[in-house]
N, C-alpha and C. Protein backbone atom coordinates (compact mmCIF):
# COMPACT_ATOMS: atom_id res chain seq x y z
N MET A 1 90.67 73.56 80.68
CA MET A 1 90.44 74.94 80.29
C MET A 1 89.86 74.96 78.89
N ASN A 2 88.86 75.79 78.66
CA ASN A 2 88.25 75.92 77.34
C ASN A 2 89.19 76.65 76.40
N PRO A 3 89.14 76.31 75.11
CA PRO A 3 89.99 77.01 74.15
C PRO A 3 89.58 78.47 73.99
N THR A 4 90.54 79.29 73.66
CA THR A 4 90.29 80.69 73.35
C THR A 4 89.82 80.77 71.92
N ILE A 5 88.68 81.41 71.68
CA ILE A 5 88.14 81.56 70.33
C ILE A 5 88.71 82.84 69.74
N THR A 6 89.23 82.74 68.52
CA THR A 6 89.79 83.89 67.84
C THR A 6 89.23 84.00 66.43
N HIS A 7 89.17 85.22 65.93
CA HIS A 7 88.72 85.47 64.56
C HIS A 7 89.91 85.82 63.67
N GLU A 8 91.12 85.73 64.23
CA GLU A 8 92.35 86.02 63.49
C GLU A 8 93.01 84.70 63.10
N PRO A 9 93.59 84.60 61.89
CA PRO A 9 94.21 83.34 61.47
C PRO A 9 95.54 83.04 62.16
N VAL A 10 96.17 84.05 62.74
CA VAL A 10 97.43 83.87 63.46
C VAL A 10 97.31 84.56 64.82
N VAL A 11 97.67 83.87 65.88
CA VAL A 11 97.64 84.45 67.22
C VAL A 11 99.02 84.38 67.85
N MET A 12 99.28 85.29 68.76
CA MET A 12 100.53 85.30 69.50
C MET A 12 100.23 84.84 70.92
N CYS A 13 101.04 83.93 71.43
CA CYS A 13 100.91 83.49 72.81
C CYS A 13 102.24 83.73 73.51
N ASP A 14 102.18 84.40 74.67
CA ASP A 14 103.39 84.61 75.46
C ASP A 14 103.24 84.04 76.87
N GLY A 15 102.14 83.31 77.10
CA GLY A 15 101.95 82.63 78.37
C GLY A 15 101.44 83.49 79.50
N LYS A 16 101.30 84.78 79.30
CA LYS A 16 100.91 85.65 80.40
C LYS A 16 99.44 85.56 80.76
N ASN A 17 98.63 85.01 79.89
CA ASN A 17 97.20 84.85 80.20
C ASN A 17 96.80 83.39 80.24
N SER A 18 97.76 82.51 80.51
CA SER A 18 97.46 81.09 80.49
C SER A 18 96.74 80.64 81.76
N ASP A 19 96.29 79.43 81.73
CA ASP A 19 95.57 78.83 82.85
C ASP A 19 96.44 78.81 84.11
N LYS A 20 95.82 79.00 85.27
CA LYS A 20 96.55 78.98 86.54
C LYS A 20 97.18 77.63 86.81
N ASN A 21 96.65 76.57 86.21
CA ASN A 21 97.19 75.23 86.42
C ASN A 21 98.31 74.89 85.43
N ALA A 22 98.66 75.81 84.56
CA ALA A 22 99.72 75.55 83.57
C ALA A 22 101.06 75.43 84.26
N THR A 23 102.00 74.82 83.57
CA THR A 23 103.32 74.60 84.15
C THR A 23 104.15 75.88 84.15
N ILE A 24 103.82 76.86 83.33
CA ILE A 24 104.54 78.13 83.28
C ILE A 24 103.73 79.17 84.05
N SER A 25 104.36 79.92 84.92
CA SER A 25 103.68 80.94 85.70
C SER A 25 103.13 82.03 84.78
N SER A 26 101.90 82.47 85.04
CA SER A 26 101.28 83.49 84.20
C SER A 26 101.95 84.85 84.34
N GLU A 27 102.65 85.11 85.45
CA GLU A 27 103.35 86.37 85.61
C GLU A 27 104.64 86.41 84.80
N VAL A 28 105.31 85.27 84.70
CA VAL A 28 106.59 85.20 84.01
C VAL A 28 106.38 85.03 82.51
N GLY A 29 105.48 84.18 82.12
CA GLY A 29 105.21 83.92 80.72
C GLY A 29 106.27 83.05 80.09
N HIS A 30 106.35 83.12 78.76
CA HIS A 30 107.33 82.35 77.99
C HIS A 30 107.66 83.13 76.73
N PRO A 31 108.64 82.68 75.95
CA PRO A 31 108.94 83.40 74.71
C PRO A 31 107.69 83.46 73.82
N ALA A 32 107.51 84.56 73.14
CA ALA A 32 106.35 84.74 72.26
C ALA A 32 106.43 83.77 71.10
N VAL A 33 105.32 83.09 70.84
CA VAL A 33 105.20 82.21 69.67
C VAL A 33 103.97 82.63 68.89
N TYR A 34 104.04 82.48 67.58
CA TYR A 34 102.92 82.81 66.70
C TYR A 34 102.36 81.51 66.16
N LEU A 35 101.07 81.31 66.37
CA LEU A 35 100.41 80.05 66.02
C LEU A 35 99.41 80.29 64.89
N HIS A 36 99.48 79.44 63.87
CA HIS A 36 98.52 79.50 62.77
C HIS A 36 97.31 78.67 63.17
N VAL A 37 96.18 79.34 63.36
CA VAL A 37 95.00 78.67 63.88
C VAL A 37 93.88 78.58 62.86
N ASN A 38 94.16 78.90 61.60
CA ASN A 38 93.10 78.91 60.59
C ASN A 38 92.86 77.53 60.00
N THR A 39 92.75 76.55 60.90
CA THR A 39 92.40 75.19 60.52
C THR A 39 91.14 74.81 61.29
N LYS A 40 90.63 73.64 61.06
CA LYS A 40 89.45 73.19 61.80
C LYS A 40 89.82 72.53 63.12
N ASP A 41 91.12 72.43 63.39
CA ASP A 41 91.60 71.78 64.60
C ASP A 41 91.84 72.79 65.72
N VAL A 42 91.90 72.28 66.93
CA VAL A 42 92.33 73.08 68.07
C VAL A 42 93.85 73.14 68.02
N VAL A 43 94.42 74.33 68.19
CA VAL A 43 95.87 74.51 68.16
C VAL A 43 96.34 74.80 69.58
N HIS A 44 97.40 74.11 70.01
CA HIS A 44 97.93 74.25 71.37
C HIS A 44 99.29 74.93 71.34
N CYS A 45 99.51 75.83 72.29
CA CYS A 45 100.81 76.46 72.44
C CYS A 45 101.80 75.41 72.92
N PRO A 46 102.99 75.31 72.28
CA PRO A 46 103.96 74.30 72.71
C PRO A 46 104.58 74.58 74.08
N TYR A 47 104.48 75.81 74.58
CA TYR A 47 105.06 76.14 75.89
C TYR A 47 104.07 75.94 77.03
N CYS A 48 102.88 76.55 76.91
CA CYS A 48 101.95 76.56 78.05
C CYS A 48 100.70 75.72 77.82
N SER A 49 100.57 75.13 76.64
CA SER A 49 99.43 74.27 76.28
C SER A 49 98.11 75.01 76.19
N ARG A 50 98.14 76.34 76.18
CA ARG A 50 96.90 77.09 75.98
C ARG A 50 96.36 76.74 74.60
N SER A 51 95.05 76.58 74.48
CA SER A 51 94.47 76.15 73.21
C SER A 51 93.69 77.28 72.56
N PHE A 52 93.69 77.28 71.23
CA PHE A 52 93.03 78.30 70.43
C PHE A 52 92.19 77.62 69.35
N VAL A 53 91.04 78.24 69.04
CA VAL A 53 90.17 77.77 67.98
C VAL A 53 89.82 78.96 67.09
N PHE A 54 89.91 78.76 65.78
CA PHE A 54 89.60 79.79 64.82
C PHE A 54 88.13 79.69 64.42
N LYS A 55 87.43 80.83 64.46
CA LYS A 55 86.03 80.89 64.04
C LYS A 55 85.87 82.10 63.13
N LEU A 56 85.23 81.89 62.00
CA LEU A 56 84.90 83.01 61.13
C LEU A 56 83.79 83.82 61.77
N ASP A 57 83.74 85.11 61.46
CA ASP A 57 82.72 85.98 62.04
C ASP A 57 81.31 85.55 61.71
N PHE A 58 81.10 84.93 60.55
CA PHE A 58 79.75 84.58 60.13
C PHE A 58 79.37 83.14 60.44
N GLU A 59 80.19 82.42 61.20
CA GLU A 59 79.84 81.03 61.57
C GLU A 59 78.90 81.03 62.74
């Protein structure tokens, strides 16, 4: 699954929009976690492994 691109430095993941192949059901989700994505690395949710990438608006 491709990473979700965000323009926000912190994102919330609750698993409800995760990949269909994830180990957590997208209908049930997981506890909400807040991930700091304002780095140059891909950040992965520890529950559902959904990945996020931070991009500035002018990049």
